[in-house]
């Protein structure tokens, strides 16, 4: 019988295994942020990522995924997502998004983590890049805060559409405030994550009429808004991976892996579990006891 993929509900022990993978991803991010500078090639950043994964005694869930040739996606300027590391030399003022992941094994089962961040290369940052990056990161944390609020209420009647609603609200308000065009990329969305990197359900970054699946403790979601400083229309390059904006506008991408706990959320790929990201929204994460 054919049907939709079942959403995987994790036990507390399984979520704690995912936290181990999430902390390796946090290590990768820290290493990449320290290495990003003018004159560095994106291939060198892939080497940094691979070393961090090795040090964390984990394995890359990007390398070899449908043939992807690296451990990290490095998307520069108008590249939205899936940029392949190579001999491109980063320049002062480039806007770079790094998307990466790792998995650990426990009792022969893989447990995955996945997260992304955007950074300005060097010391120069245009005002457009600043508001784009700031808005995308805030949209991510607004979505996580919406989940935290639903969890604090015991997940009563909470549906997955609250994520897209939160992202769209932040992007709309930012565009109104600045007068600049902003686009939400709709073709590439977040996802469930667990024993595989990509699982049900899809996690949309925009509002839809359907409320979607009911949220419950034990679900783990990768939330990843991708926002453009122009129109969101995009295309894939001849390498069959790199997605770019059609109008040449720059893009930002932020992502975290988030576990739904009985009373809130635990951001598995944030080193502090989500404390600093949720603080502006007056929420705190609710980690599971060891």
Foldseek 3Di string as FASTA:
>chain_A
DDDAFDFFFADLVQVVQLLLQLQLLLQLVVQLVVPFAFFDFLVVSQVSNCVSCVVSVWAWQQDCPVNQHTQKAKAKFQWQTQHHTDGDTDHQAIKIKIKGKTWDDDPRFTWIWIKMAIDGHHDDYDPLRVLQRVLQLLLQLQLQLQQLVCLQVQLVVQFLLSSLVSSVVSQVVSCVVVVFDKEWQFVDFKAWGTSHRHGDDTRTNHHDPDRHDRDDARTKIKGKIKMWRHYNDWDDDPVRGTIGHPVSTTMTMTIFIWGRHRRGIFGSNDPLRCAVSCVVVVGGHDRDDD
